[in-house]
């Protein structure tokens, strides 16, 4: 909804944050 023109990039950054969580936590 919030990033209709580049939702793929927004999702990519969000999932990348999850990978940081997987590596650090």
PDBML (XML) file of the C-alpha atoms, coordinates in Angstrom:
<?xml version="1.0" encoding="UTF-8" ?>
<PDBx:datablock datablockName="MODEL"
   xmlns:PDBx="http://pdbml.pdb.org/schema/pdbx-v50.xsd"
   xmlns:xsi="http://www.w3.org/2001/XMLSchema-instance"
   xsi:schemaLocation="http://pdbml.pdb.org/schema/pdbx-v50.xsd pdbx-v50.xsd">
   <PDBx:atom_siteCategory>
      <PDBx:atom_site id="1">
         <PDBx:B_iso_or_equiv>0.00</PDBx:B_iso_or_equiv>
         <PDBx:Cartn_x>0.000</PDBx:Cartn_x>
         <PDBx:Cartn_y>0.000</PDBx:Cartn_y>
         <PDBx:Cartn_z>0.000</PDBx:Cartn_z>
         <PDBx:auth_asym_id>A</PDBx:auth_asym_id>
         <PDBx:auth_atom_id>CA</PDBx:auth_atom_id>
         <PDBx:auth_comp_id>UNK</PDBx:auth_comp_id>
         <PDBx:auth_seq_id>1</PDBx:auth_seq_id>
         <PDBx:group_PDB>ATOM</PDBx:group_PDB>
         <PDBx:label_alt_id xsi:nil="true" />
         <PDBx:label_asym_id>A</PDBx:label_asym_id>
         <PDBx:label_atom_id>CA</PDBx:label_atom_id>
         <PDBx:label_comp_id>UNK</PDBx:label_comp_id>
         <PDBx:label_entity_id>1</PDBx:label_entity_id>
         <PDBx:label_seq_id>1</PDBx:label_seq_id>
         <PDBx:occupancy>1.00</PDBx:occupancy>
         <PDBx:pdbx_PDB_model_num>1</PDBx:pdbx_PDB_model_num>
         <PDBx:type_symbol>C</PDBx:type_symbol>
      </PDBx:atom_site>
      <PDBx:atom_site id="2">
         <PDBx:B_iso_or_equiv>0.00</PDBx:B_iso_or_equiv>
         <PDBx:Cartn_x>2.699</PDBx:Cartn_x>
         <PDBx:Cartn_y>2.474</PDBx:Cartn_y>
         <PDBx:Cartn_z>1.027</PDBx:Cartn_z>
         <PDBx:auth_asym_id>A</PDBx:auth_asym_id>
         <PDBx:auth_atom_id>CA</PDBx:auth_atom_id>
         <PDBx:auth_comp_id>UNK</PDBx:auth_comp_id>
         <PDBx:auth_seq_id>2</PDBx:auth_seq_id>
         <PDBx:group_PDB>ATOM</PDBx:group_PDB>
         <PDBx:label_alt_id xsi:nil="true" />
         <PDBx:label_asym_id>A</PDBx:label_asym_id>
         <PDBx:label_atom_id>CA</PDBx:label_atom_id>
         <PDBx:label_comp_id>UNK</PDBx:label_comp_id>
         <PDBx:label_entity_id>1</PDBx:label_entity_id>
         <PDBx:label_seq_id>2</PDBx:label_seq_id>
         <PDBx:occupancy>1.00</PDBx:occupancy>
         <PDBx:pdbx_PDB_model_num>1</PDBx:pdbx_PDB_model_num>
         <PDBx:type_symbol>C</PDBx:type_symbol>
      </PDBx:atom_site>
      <PDBx:atom_site id="3">
         <PDBx:B_iso_or_equiv>0.00</PDBx:B_iso_or_equiv>
         <PDBx:Cartn_x>5.212</PDBx:Cartn_x>
         <PDBx:Cartn_y>1.750</PDBx:Cartn_y>
         <PDBx:Cartn_z>-1.767</PDBx:Cartn_z>
         <PDBx:auth_asym_id>A</PDBx:auth_asym_id>
         <PDBx:auth_atom_id>CA</PDBx:auth_atom_id>
         <PDBx:auth_comp_id>UNK</PDBx:auth_comp_id>
         <PDBx:auth_seq_id>3</PDBx:auth_seq_id>
         <PDBx:group_PDB>ATOM</PDBx:group_PDB>
         <PDBx:label_alt_id xsi:nil="true" />
         <PDBx:label_asym_id>A</PDBx:label_asym_id>
         <PDBx:label_atom_id>CA</PDBx:label_atom_id>
         <PDBx:label_comp_id>UNK</PDBx:label_comp_id>
         <PDBx:label_entity_id>1</PDBx:label_entity_id>
         <PDBx:label_seq_id>3</PDBx:label_seq_id>
         <PDBx:occupancy>1.00</PDBx:occupancy>
         <PDBx:pdbx_PDB_model_num>1</PDBx:pdbx_PDB_model_num>
         <PDBx:type_symbol>C</PDBx:type_symbol>
      </PDBx:atom_site>
      <PDBx:atom_site id="4">
         <PDBx:B_iso_or_equiv>0.00</PDBx:B_iso_or_equiv>
         <PDBx:Cartn_x>3.054</PDBx:Cartn_x>
         <PDBx:Cartn_y>0.920</PDBx:Cartn_y>
         <PDBx:Cartn_z>-4.820</PDBx:Cartn_z>
         <PDBx:auth_asym_id>A</PDBx:auth_asym_id>
         <PDBx:auth_atom_id>CA</PDBx:auth_atom_id>
         <PDBx:auth_comp_id>UNK</PDBx:auth_comp_id>
         <PDBx:auth_seq_id>4</PDBx:auth_seq_id>
         <PDBx:group_PDB>ATOM</PDBx:group_PDB>
         <PDBx:label_alt_id xsi:nil="true" />
         <PDBx:label_asym_id>A</PDBx:label_asym_id>
         <PDBx:label_atom_id>CA</PDBx:label_atom_id>
         <PDBx:label_comp_id>UNK</PDBx:label_comp_id>
         <PDBx:label_entity_id>1</PDBx:label_entity_id>
         <PDBx:label_seq_id>4</PDBx:label_seq_id>
         <PDBx:occupancy>1.00</PDBx:occupancy>
         <PDBx:pdbx_PDB_model_num>1</PDBx:pdbx_PDB_model_num>
         <PDBx:type_symbol>C</PDBx:type_symbol>
      </PDBx:atom_site>
      <PDBx:atom_site id="5">
         <PDBx:B_iso_or_equiv>0.00</PDBx:B_iso_or_equiv>
         <PDBx:Cartn_x>5.777</PDBx:Cartn_x>
         <PDBx:Cartn_y>1.794</PDBx:Cartn_y>
         <PDBx:Cartn_z>-7.352</PDBx:Cartn_z>
         <PDBx:auth_asym_id>A</PDBx:auth_asym_id>
         <PDBx:auth_atom_id>CA</PDBx:auth_atom_id>
         <PDBx:auth_comp_id>UNK</PDBx:auth_comp_id>
         <PDBx:auth_seq_id>5</PDBx:auth_seq_id>
         <PDBx:group_PDB>ATOM</PDBx:group_PDB>
         <PDBx:label_alt_id xsi:nil="true" />
         <PDBx:label_asym_id>A</PDBx:label_asym_id>
         <PDBx:label_atom_id>CA</PDBx:label_atom_id>
         <PDBx:label_comp_id>UNK</PDBx:label_comp_id>
         <PDBx:label_entity_id>1</PDBx:label_entity_id>
         <PDBx:label_seq_id>5</PDBx:label_seq_id>
         <PDBx:occupancy>1.00</PDBx:occupancy>
         <PDBx:pdbx_PDB_model_num>1</PDBx:pdbx_PDB_model_num>
         <PDBx:type_symbol>C</PDBx:type_symbol>
      </PDBx:atom_site>
      <PDBx:atom_site id="6">
         <PDBx:B_iso_or_equiv>0.00</PDBx:B_iso_or_equiv>
         <PDBx:Cartn_x>8.680</PDBx:Cartn_x>
         <PDBx:Cartn_y>0.016</PDBx:Cartn_y>
         <PDBx:Cartn_z>-5.660</PDBx:Cartn_z>
         <PDBx:auth_asym_id>A</PDBx:auth_asym_id>
         <PDBx:auth_atom_id>CA</PDBx:auth_atom_id>
         <PDBx:auth_comp_id>UNK</PDBx:auth_comp_id>
         <PDBx:auth_seq_id>6</PDBx:auth_seq_id>
         <PDBx:group_PDB>ATOM</PDBx:group_PDB>
         <PDBx:label_alt_id xsi:nil="true" />
         <PDBx:label_asym_id>A</PDBx:label_asym_id>
         <PDBx:label_atom_id>CA</PDBx:label_atom_id>
         <PDBx:label_comp_id>UNK</PDBx:label_comp_id>
         <PDBx:label_entity_id>1</PDBx:label_entity_id>
         <PDBx:label_seq_id>6</PDBx:label_seq_id>
         <PDBx:occupancy>1.00</PDBx:occupancy>
         <PDBx:pdbx_PDB_model_num>1</PDBx:pdbx_PDB_model_num>
         <PDBx:type_symbol>C</PDBx:type_symbol>
      </PDBx:atom_site>
      <PDBx:atom_site id="7">
         <PDBx:B_iso_or_equiv>0.00</PDBx:B_iso_or_equiv>
         <PDBx:Cartn_x>7.180</PDBx:Cartn_x>
         <PDBx:Cartn_y>-2.484</PDBx:Cartn_y>
         <PDBx:Cartn_z>-3.269</PDBx:Cartn_z>
         <PDBx:auth_asym_id>A</PDBx:auth_asym_id>
         <PDBx:auth_atom_id>CA</PDBx:auth_atom_id>
         <PDBx:auth_comp_id>UNK</PDBx:auth_comp_id>
         <PDBx:auth_seq_id>7</PDBx:auth_seq_id>
         <PDBx:group_PDB>ATOM</PDBx:group_PDB>
         <PDBx:label_alt_id xsi:nil="true" />
         <PDBx:label_asym_id>A</PDBx:label_asym_id>
         <PDBx:label_atom_id>CA</PDBx:label_atom_id>
         <PDBx:label_comp_id>UNK</PDBx:label_comp_id>
         <PDBx:label_entity_id>1</PDBx:label_entity_id>
         <PDBx:label_seq_id>7</PDBx:label_seq_id>
         <PDBx:occupancy>1.00</PDBx:occupancy>
         <PDBx:pdbx_PDB_model_num>1</PDBx:pdbx_PDB_model_num>
         <PDBx:type_symbol>C</PDBx:type_symbol>
      </PDBx:atom_site>
      <PDBx:atom_site id="8">
         <PDBx:B_iso_or_equiv>0.00</PDBx:B_iso_or_equiv>
         <PDBx:Cartn_x>9.735</PDBx:Cartn_x>
         <PDBx:Cartn_y>-5.092</PDBx:Cartn_y>
         <PDBx:Cartn_z>-4.314</PDBx:Cartn_z>
         <PDBx:auth_asym_id>A</PDBx:auth_asym_id>
         <PDBx:auth_atom_id>CA</PDBx:auth_atom_id>
         <PDBx:auth_comp_id>UNK</PDBx:auth_comp_id>
         <PDBx:auth_seq_id>8</PDBx:auth_seq_id>
         <PDBx:group_PDB>ATOM</PDBx:group_PDB>
         <PDBx:label_alt_id xsi:nil="true" />
         <PDBx:label_asym_id>A</PDBx:label_asym_id>
         <PDBx:label_atom_id>CA</PDBx:label_atom_id>
         <PDBx:label_comp_id>UNK</PDBx:label_comp_id>
         <PDBx:label_entity_id>1</PDBx:label_entity_id>
         <PDBx:label_seq_id>8</PDBx:label_seq_id>
         <PDBx:occupancy>1.00</PDBx:occupancy>
         <PDBx:pdbx_PDB_model_num>1</PDBx:pdbx_PDB_model_num>
         <PDBx:type_symbol>C</PDBx:type_symbol>
      </PDBx:atom_site>
      <PDBx:atom_site id="9">
         <PDBx:B_iso_or_equiv>0.00</PDBx:B_iso_or_equiv>
         <PDBx:Cartn_x>12.597</PDBx:Cartn_x>
         <PDBx:Cartn_y>-2.937</PDBx:Cartn_y>
         <PDBx:Cartn_z>-3.049</PDBx:Cartn_z>
         <PDBx:auth_asym_id>A</PDBx:auth_asym_id>
         <PDBx:auth_atom_id>CA</PDBx:auth_atom_id>
         <PDBx:auth_comp_id>UNK</PDBx:auth_comp_id>
         <PDBx:auth_seq_id>9</PDBx:auth_seq_id>
         <PDBx:group_PDB>ATOM</PDBx:group_PDB>
         <PDBx:label_alt_id xsi:nil="true" />
         <PDBx:label_asym_id>A</PDBx:label_asym_id>
         <PDBx:label_atom_id>CA</PDBx:label_atom_id>
         <PDBx:label_comp_id>UNK</PDBx:label_comp_id>
         <PDBx:label_entity_id>1</PDBx:label_entity_id>
         <PDBx:label_seq_id>9</PDBx:label_seq_id>
         <PDBx:occupancy>1.00</PDBx:occupancy>
         <PDBx:pdbx_PDB_model_num>1</PDBx:pdbx_PDB_model_num>
         <PDBx:type_symbol>C</PDBx:type_symbol>
      </PDBx:atom_site>
      <PDBx:atom_site id="10">
         <PDBx:B_iso_or_equiv>0.00</PDBx:B_iso_or_equiv>
         <PDBx:Cartn_x>10.696</PDBx:Cartn_x>
         <PDBx:Cartn_y>-2.123</PDBx:Cartn_y>
         <PDBx:Cartn_z>0.160</PDBx:Cartn_z>
         <PDBx:auth_asym_id>A</PDBx:auth_asym_id>
         <PDBx:auth_atom_id>CA</PDBx:auth_atom_id>
         <PDBx:auth_comp_id>UNK</PDBx:auth_comp_id>
         <PDBx:auth_seq_id>10</PDBx:auth_seq_id>
         <PDBx:group_PDB>ATOM</PDBx:group_PDB>
         <PDBx:label_alt_id xsi:nil="true" />
         <PDBx:label_asym_id>A</PDBx:label_asym_id>
         <PDBx:label_atom_id>CA</PDBx:label_atom_id>
         <PDBx:label_comp_id>UNK</PDBx:label_comp_id>
         <PDBx:label_entity_id>1</PDBx:label_entity_id>
         <PDBx:label_seq_id>10</PDBx:label_seq_id>
         <PDBx:occupancy>1.00</PDBx:occupancy>
         <PDBx:pdbx_PDB_model_num>1</PDBx:pdbx_PDB_model_num>
         <PDBx:type_symbol>C</PDBx:type_symbol>
      </PDBx:atom_site>
      <PDBx:atom_site id="11">
         <PDBx:B_iso_or_equiv>0.00</PDBx:B_iso_or_equiv>
         <PDBx:Cartn_x>10.026</PDBx:Cartn_x>
         <PDBx:Cartn_y>-5.811</PDBx:Cartn_y>
         <PDBx:Cartn_z>0.807</PDBx:Cartn_z>
         <PDBx:auth_asym_id>A</PDBx:auth_asym_id>
         <PDBx:auth_atom_id>CA</PDBx:auth_atom_id>
         <PDBx:auth_comp_id>UNK</PDBx:auth_comp_id>
         <PDBx:auth_seq_id>11</PDBx:auth_seq_id>
         <PDBx:group_PDB>ATOM</PDBx:group_PDB>
         <PDBx:label_alt_id xsi:nil="true" />
         <PDBx:label_asym_id>A</PDBx:label_asym_id>
         <PDBx:label_atom_id>CA</PDBx:label_atom_id>
         <PDBx:label_comp_id>UNK</PDBx:label_comp_id>
         <PDBx:label_entity_id>1</PDBx:label_entity_id>
         <PDBx:label_seq_id>11</PDBx:label_seq_id>
         <PDBx:occupancy>1.00</PDBx:occupancy>
         <PDBx:pdbx_PDB_model_num>1</PDBx:pdbx_PDB_model_num>
         <PDBx:type_symbol>C</PDBx:type_symbol>
      </PDBx:atom_site>
      <PDBx:atom_site id="12">
         <PDBx:B_iso_or_equiv>0.00</PDBx:B_iso_or_equiv>
         <PDBx:Cartn_x>13.662</PDBx:Cartn_x>
         <PDBx:Cartn_y>-6.597</PDBx:Cartn_y>
         <PDBx:Cartn_z>0.002</PDBx:Cartn_z>
         <PDBx:auth_asym_id>A</PDBx:auth_asym_id>
         <PDBx:auth_atom_id>CA</PDBx:auth_atom_id>
         <PDBx:auth_comp_id>UNK</PDBx:auth_comp_id>
         <PDBx:auth_seq_id>12</PDBx:auth_seq_id>
         <PDBx:group_PDB>ATOM</PDBx:group_PDB>
         <PDBx:label_alt_id xsi:nil="true" />
         <PDBx:label_asym_id>A</PDBx:label_asym_id>
         <PDBx:label_atom_id>CA</PDBx:label_atom_id>
         <PDBx:label_comp_id>UNK</PDBx:label_comp_id>
         <PDBx:label_entity_id>1</PDBx:label_entity_id>
         <PDBx:label_seq_id>12</PDBx:label_seq_id>
         <PDBx:occupancy>1.00</PDBx:occupancy>
         <PDBx:pdbx_PDB_model_num>1</PDBx:pdbx_PDB_model_num>
         <PDBx:type_symbol>C</PDBx:type_symbol>
      </PDBx:atom_site>
      <PDBx:atom_site id="13">
         <PDBx:B_iso_or_equiv>0.00</PDBx:B_iso_or_equiv>
         <PDBx:Cartn_x>14.933</PDBx:Cartn_x>
         <PDBx:Cartn_y>-4.144</PDBx:Cartn_y>
         <PDBx:Cartn_z>2.601</PDBx:Cartn_z>
         <PDBx:auth_asym_id>A</PDBx:auth_asym_id>
         <PDBx:auth_atom_id>CA</PDBx:auth_atom_id>
         <PDBx:auth_comp_id>UNK</PDBx:auth_comp_id>
         <PDBx:auth_seq_id>13</PDBx:auth_seq_id>
         <PDBx:group_PDB>ATOM</PDBx:group_PDB>
         <PDBx:label_alt_id xsi:nil="true" />
         <PDBx:label_asym_id>A</PDBx:label_asym_id>
         <PDBx:label_atom_id>CA</PDBx:label_atom_id>
         <PDBx:label_comp_id>UNK</PDBx:label_comp_id>
         <PDBx:label_entity_id>1</PDBx:label_entity_id>
         <PDBx:label_seq_id>13</PDBx:label_seq_id>
         <PDBx:occupancy>1.00</PDBx:occupancy>
         <PDBx:pdbx_PDB_model_num>1</PDBx:pdbx_PDB_model_num>
         <PDBx:type_symbol>C</PDBx:type_symbol>
      </PDBx:atom_site>
      <PDBx:atom_site id="14">
         <PDBx:B_iso_or_equiv>0.00</PDBx:B_iso_or_equiv>
         <PDBx:Cartn_x>12.475</PDBx:Cartn_x>
         <PDBx:Cartn_y>-5.466</PDBx:Cartn_y>
         <PDBx:Cartn_z>5.189</PDBx:Cartn_z>
         <PDBx:auth_asym_id>A</PDBx:auth_asym_id>
         <PDBx:auth_atom_id>CA</PDBx:auth_atom_id>
         <PDBx:auth_comp_id>UNK</PDBx:auth_comp_id>
         <PDBx:auth_seq_id>14</PDBx:auth_seq_id>
         <PDBx:group_PDB>ATOM</PDBx:group_PDB>
         <PDBx:label_alt_id xsi:nil="true" />
         <PDBx:label_asym_id>A</PDBx:label_asym_id>
         <PDBx:label_atom_id>CA</PDBx:label_atom_id>
         <PDBx:label_comp_id>UNK</PDBx:label_comp_id>
         <PDBx:label_entity_id>1</PDBx:label_entity_id>
         <PDBx:label_seq_id>14</PDBx:label_seq_id>
         <PDBx:occupancy>1.00</PDBx:occupancy>
         <PDBx:pdbx_PDB_model_num>1</PDBx:pdbx_PDB_model_num>
         <PDBx:type_symbol>C</PDBx:type_symbol>
      </PDBx:atom_site>
      <PDBx:atom_site id="15">
         <PDBx:B_iso_or_equiv>0.00</PDBx:B_iso_or_equiv>
         <PDBx:Cartn_x>13.486</PDBx:Cartn_x>
         <PDBx:Cartn_y>-9.080</PDBx:Cartn_y>
         <PDBx:Cartn_z>4.584</PDBx:Cartn_z>
         <PDBx:auth_asym_id>A</PDBx:auth_asym_id>
         <PDBx:auth_atom_id>CA</PDBx:auth_atom_id>
         <PDBx:auth_comp_id>UNK</PDBx:auth_comp_id>
         <PDBx:auth_seq_id>15</PDBx:auth_seq_id>
         <PDBx:group_PDB>ATOM</PDBx:group_PDB>
         <PDBx:label_alt_id xsi:nil="true" />
         <PDBx:label_asym_id>A</PDBx:label_asym_id>
         <PDBx:label_atom_id>CA</PDBx:label_atom_id>
         <PDBx:label_comp_id>UNK</PDBx:label_comp_id>
         <PDBx:label_entity_id>1</PDBx:label_entity_id>
         <PDBx:label_seq_id>15</PDBx:label_seq_id>
         <PDBx:occupancy>1.00</PDBx:occupancy>
         <PDBx:pdbx_PDB_model_num>1</PDBx:pdbx_PDB_model_num>
         <PDBx:type_symbol>C</PDBx:type_symbol>
      </PDBx:atom_site>
      <PDBx:atom_site id="16">
         <PDBx:B_iso_or_equiv>0.00</PDBx:B_iso_or_equiv>
         <PDBx:Cartn_x>17.149</PDBx:Cartn_x>
         <PDBx:Cartn_y>-8.068</PDBx:Cartn_y>
         <PDBx:Cartn_z>4.654</PDBx:Cartn_z>
         <PDBx:auth_asym_id>A</PDBx:auth_asym_id>
         <PDBx:auth_atom_id>CA</PDBx:auth_atom_id>
         <PDBx:auth_comp_id>UNK</PDBx:auth_comp_id>
         <PDBx:auth_seq_id>16</PDBx:auth_seq_id>
         <PDBx:group_PDB>ATOM</PDBx:group_PDB>
         <PDBx:label_alt_id xsi:nil="true" />
         <PDBx:label_asym_id>A</PDBx:label_asym_id>
         <PDBx:label_atom_id>CA</PDBx:label_atom_id>
         <PDBx:label_comp_id>UNK</PDBx:label_comp_id>
         <PDBx:label_entity_id>1</PDBx:label_entity_id>
         <PDBx:label_seq_id>16</PDBx:label_seq_id>
         <PDBx:occupancy>1.00</PDBx:occupancy>
         <PDBx:pdbx_PDB_model_num>1</PDBx:pdbx_PDB_model_num>
         <PDBx:type_symbol>C</PDBx:type_symbol>
      </PDBx:atom_site>
      <PDBx:atom_site id="17">
         <PDBx:B_iso_or_equiv>0.00</PDBx:B_iso_or_equiv>
         <PDBx:Cartn_x>16.546</PDBx:Cartn_x>
         <PDBx:Cartn_y>-6.629</PDBx:Cartn_y>
         <PDBx:Cartn_z>8.127</PDBx:Cartn_z>
         <PDBx:auth_asym_id>A</PDBx:auth_asym_id>
         <PDBx:auth_atom_id>CA</PDBx:auth_atom_id>
         <PDBx:auth_comp_id>UNK</PDBx:auth_comp_id>
         <PDBx:auth_seq_id>17</PDBx:auth_seq_id>
         <PDBx:group_PDB>ATOM</PDBx:group_PDB>
         <PDBx:label_alt_id xsi:nil="true" />
         <PDBx:label_asym_id>A</PDBx:label_asym_id>
         <PDBx:label_atom_id>CA</PDBx:label_atom_id>
         <PDBx:label_comp_id>UNK</PDBx:label_comp_id>
         <PDBx:label_entity_id>1</PDBx:label_entity_id>
         <PDBx:label_seq_id>17</PDBx:label_seq_id>
         <PDBx:occupancy>1.00</PDBx:occupancy>
         <PDBx:pdbx_PDB_model_num>1</PDBx:pdbx_PDB_model_num>
         <PDBx:type_symbol>C</PDBx:type_symbol>
      </PDBx:atom_site>
      <PDBx:atom_site id="18">
         <PDBx:B_iso_or_equiv>0.00</PDBx:B_iso_or_equiv>
         <PDBx:Cartn_x>15.230</PDBx:Cartn_x>
         <PDBx:Cartn_y>-10.072</PDBx:Cartn_y>
         <PDBx:Cartn_z>9.066</PDBx:Cartn_z>
         <PDBx:auth_asym_id>A</PDBx:auth_asym_id>
         <PDBx:auth_atom_id>CA</PDBx:auth_atom_id>
         <PDBx:auth_comp_id>UNK</PDBx:auth_comp_id>
         <PDBx:auth_seq_id>18</PDBx:auth_seq_id>
         <PDBx:group_PDB>ATOM</PDBx:group_PDB>
         <PDBx:label_alt_id xsi:nil="true" />
         <PDBx:label_asym_id>A</PDBx:label_asym_id>
         <PDBx:label_atom_id>CA</PDBx:label_atom_id>
         <PDBx:label_comp_id>UNK</PDBx:label_comp_id>
         <PDBx:label_entity_id>1</PDBx:label_entity_id>
         <PDBx:label_seq_id>18</PDBx:label_seq_id>
         <PDBx:occupancy>1.00</PDBx:occupancy>
         <PDBx:pdbx_PDB_model_num>1</PDBx:pdbx_PDB_model_num>
         <PDBx:type_symbol>C</PDBx:type_symbol>
      </PDBx:atom_site>
      <PDBx:atom_site id="19">
         <PDBx:B_iso_or_equiv>0.00</PDBx:B_iso_or_equiv>
         <PDBx:Cartn_x>18.457</PDBx:Cartn_x>
         <PDBx:Cartn_y>-11.675</PDBx:Cartn_y>
         <PDBx:Cartn_z>7.837</PDBx:Cartn_z>
         <PDBx:auth_asym_id>A</PDBx:auth_asym_id>
         <PDBx:auth_atom_id>CA</PDBx:auth_atom_id>
         <PDBx:auth_comp_id>UNK</PDBx:auth_comp_id>
         <PDBx:auth_seq_id>19</PDBx:auth_seq_id>
         <PDBx:group_PDB>ATOM</PDBx:group_PDB>
         <PDBx:label_alt_id xsi:nil="true" />
         <PDBx:label_asym_id>A</PDBx:label_asym_id>
         <PDBx:label_atom_id>CA</PDBx:label_atom_id>
         <PDBx:label_comp_id>UNK</PDBx:label_comp_id>
         <PDBx:label_entity_id>1</PDBx:label_entity_id>
         <PDBx:label_seq_id>19</PDBx:label_seq_id>
         <PDBx:occupancy>1.00</PDBx:occupancy>
         <PDBx:pdbx_PDB_model_num>1</PDBx:pdbx_PDB_model_num>
         <PDBx:type_symbol>C</PDBx:type_symbol>
      </PDBx:atom_site>
      <PDBx:atom_site id="20">
         <PDBx:B_iso_or_equiv>0.00</PDBx:B_iso_or_equiv>
         <PDBx:Cartn_x>20.401</PDBx:Cartn_x>
         <PDBx:Cartn_y>-9.262</PDBx:Cartn_y>
         <PDBx:Cartn_z>10.062</PDBx:Cartn_z>
         <PDBx:auth_asym_id>A</PDBx:auth_asym_id>
         <PDBx:auth_atom_id>CA</PDBx:auth_atom_id>
         <PDBx:auth_comp_id>UNK</PDBx:auth_comp_id>
         <PDBx:auth_seq_id>20</PDBx:auth_seq_id>
         <PDBx:group_PDB>ATOM</PDBx:group_PDB>
         <PDBx:label_alt_id xsi:nil="true" />
         <PDBx:label_asym_id>A</PDBx:label_asym_id>
         <PDBx:label_atom_id>CA</PDBx:label_atom_id>
         <PDBx:label_comp_id>UNK</PDBx:label_comp_id>
         <PDBx:label_entity_id>1</PDBx:label_entity_id>
         <PDBx:label_seq_id>20</PDBx:label_seq_id>
         <PDBx:occupancy>1.00</PDBx:occupancy>
         <PDBx:pdbx_PDB_model_num>1</PDBx:pdbx_PDB_model_num>
         <PDBx:type_symbol>C</PDBx:type_symbol>
      </PDBx:atom_site>
      <PDBx:atom_site id="21">
         <PDBx:B_iso_or_equiv>0.00</PDBx:B_iso_or_equiv>
         <PDBx:Cartn_x>18.222</PDBx:Cartn_x>
         <PDBx:Cartn_y>-10.469</PDBx:Cartn_y>
         <PDBx:Cartn_z>12.933</PDBx:Cartn_z>
         <PDBx:auth_asym_id>A</PDBx:auth_asym_id>
         <PDBx:auth_atom_id>CA</PDBx:auth_atom_id>
         <PDBx:auth_comp_id>UNK</PDBx:auth_comp_id>
         <PDBx:auth_seq_id>21</PDBx:auth_seq_id>
         <PDBx:group_PDB>ATOM</PDBx:group_PDB>
         <PDBx:label_alt_id xsi:nil="true" />
         <PDBx:label_asym_id>A</PDBx:label_asym_id>
         <PDBx:label_atom_id>CA</PDBx:label_atom_id>
         <PDBx:label_comp_id>UNK</PDBx:label_comp_id>
         <PDBx:label_entity_id>1</PDBx:label_entity_id>
         <PDBx:label_seq_id>21</PDBx:label_seq_id>
         <PDBx:occupancy>1.00</PDBx:occupancy>
         <PDBx:pdbx_PDB_model_num>1</PDBx:pdbx_PDB_model_num>
         <PDBx:type_symbol>C</PDBx:type_symbol>
      </PDBx:atom_site>
      <PDBx:atom_site id="22">
         <PDBx:B_iso_or_equiv>0.00</PDBx:B_iso_or_equiv>
         <PDBx:Cartn_x>18.991</PDBx:Cartn_x>
         <PDBx:Cartn_y>-14.082</PDBx:Cartn_y>
         <PDBx:Cartn_z>11.981</PDBx:Cartn_z>
         <PDBx:auth_asym_id>A</PDBx:auth_asym_id>
         <PDBx:auth_atom_id>CA</PDBx:auth_atom_id>
         <PDBx:auth_comp_id>UNK</PDBx:auth_comp_id>
         <PDBx:auth_seq_id>22</PDBx:auth_seq_id>
         <PDBx:group_PDB>ATOM</PDBx:group_PDB>
         <PDBx:label_alt_id xsi:nil="true" />
         <PDBx:label_asym_id>A</PDBx:label_asym_id>
         <PDBx:label_atom_id>CA</PDBx:label_atom_id>
         <PDBx:label_comp_id>UNK</PDBx:label_comp_id>
         <PDBx:label_entity_id>1</PDBx:label_entity_id>
         <PDBx:label_seq_id>22</PDBx:label_seq_id>
         <PDBx:occupancy>1.00</PDBx:occupancy>
         <PDBx:pdbx_PDB_model_num>1</PDBx:pdbx_PDB_model_num>
         <PDBx:type_symbol>C</PDBx:type_symbol>
      </PDBx:atom_site>
      <PDBx:atom_site id="23">
         <PDBx:B_iso_or_equiv>0.00</PDBx:B_iso_or_equiv>
         <PDBx:Cartn_x>22.724</PDBx:Cartn_x>
         <PDBx:Cartn_y>-13.339</PDBx:Cartn_y>
         <PDBx:Cartn_z>11.986</PDBx:Cartn_z>
         <PDBx:auth_asym_id>A</PDBx:auth_asym_id>
         <PDBx:auth_atom_id>CA</PDBx:auth_atom_id>
         <PDBx:auth_comp_id>UNK</PDBx:auth_comp_id>
         <PDBx:auth_seq_id>23</PDBx:auth_seq_id>
         <PDBx:group_PDB>ATOM</PDBx:group_PDB>
         <PDBx:label_alt_id xsi:nil="true" />
         <PDBx:label_asym_id>A</PDBx:label_asym_id>
         <PDBx:label_atom_id>CA</PDBx:label_atom_id>
         <PDBx:label_comp_id>UNK</PDBx:label_comp_id>
         <PDBx:label_entity_id>1</PDBx:label_entity_id>
         <PDBx:label_seq_id>23</PDBx:label_seq_id>
         <PDBx:occupancy>1.00</PDBx:occupancy>
         <PDBx:pdbx_PDB_model_num>1</PDBx:pdbx_PDB_model_num>
         <PDBx:type_symbol>C</PDBx:type_symbol>
      </PDBx:atom_site>
      <PDBx:atom_site id="24">
         <PDBx:B_iso_or_equiv>0.00</PDBx:B_iso_or_equiv>
         <PDBx:Cartn_x>22.866</PDBx:Cartn_x>
         <PDBx:Cartn_y>-11.252</PDBx:Cartn_y>
         <PDBx:Cartn_z>15.189</PDBx:Cartn_z>
         <PDBx:auth_asym_id>A</PDBx:auth_asym_id>
         <PDBx:auth_atom_id>CA</PDBx:auth_atom_id>
         <PDBx:auth_comp_id>UNK</PDBx:auth_comp_id>
         <PDBx:auth_seq_id>24</PDBx:auth_seq_id>
         <PDBx:group_PDB>ATOM</PDBx:group_PDB>
         <PDBx:label_alt_id xsi:nil="true" />
         <PDBx:label_asym_id>A</PDBx:label_asym_id>
         <PDBx:label_atom_id>CA</PDBx:label_atom_id>
         <PDBx:label_comp_id>UNK</PDBx:label_comp_id>
         <PDBx:label_entity_id>1</PDBx:label_entity_id>
         <PDBx:label_seq_id>24</PDBx:label_seq_id>
         <PDBx:occupancy>1.00</PDBx:occupancy>
         <PDBx:pdbx_PDB_model_num>1</PDBx:pdbx_PDB_model_num>
         <PDBx:type_symbol>C</PDBx:type_symbol>
      </PDBx:atom_site>
      <PDBx:atom_site id="25">
         <PDBx:B_iso_or_equiv>0.00</PDBx:B_iso_or_equiv>
         <PDBx:Cartn_x>20.159</PDBx:Cartn_x>
         <PDBx:Cartn_y>-12.244</PDBx:Cartn_y>
         <PDBx:Cartn_z>17.665</PDBx:Cartn_z>
         <PDBx:auth_asym_id>A</PDBx:auth_asym_id>
         <PDBx:auth_atom_id>CA</PDBx:auth_atom_id>
         <PDBx:auth_comp_id>UNK</PDBx:auth_comp_id>
         <PDBx:auth_seq_id>25</PDBx:auth_seq_id>
         <PDBx:group_PDB>ATOM</PDBx:group_PDB>
         <PDBx:label_alt_id xsi:nil="true" />
         <PDBx:label_asym_id>A</PDBx:label_asym_id>
         <PDBx:label_atom_id>CA</PDBx:label_atom_id>
         <PDBx:label_comp_id>UNK</PDBx:label_comp_id>
         <PDBx:label_entity_id>1</PDBx:label_entity_id>
         <PDBx:label_seq_id>25</PDBx:label_seq_id>
         <PDBx:occupancy>1.00</PDBx:occupancy>
         <PDBx:pdbx_PDB_model_num>1</PDBx:pdbx_PDB_model_num>
         <PDBx:type_symbol>C</PDBx:type_symbol>
      </PDBx:atom_site>
   </PDBx:atom_siteCategory>
</PDBx:datablock>
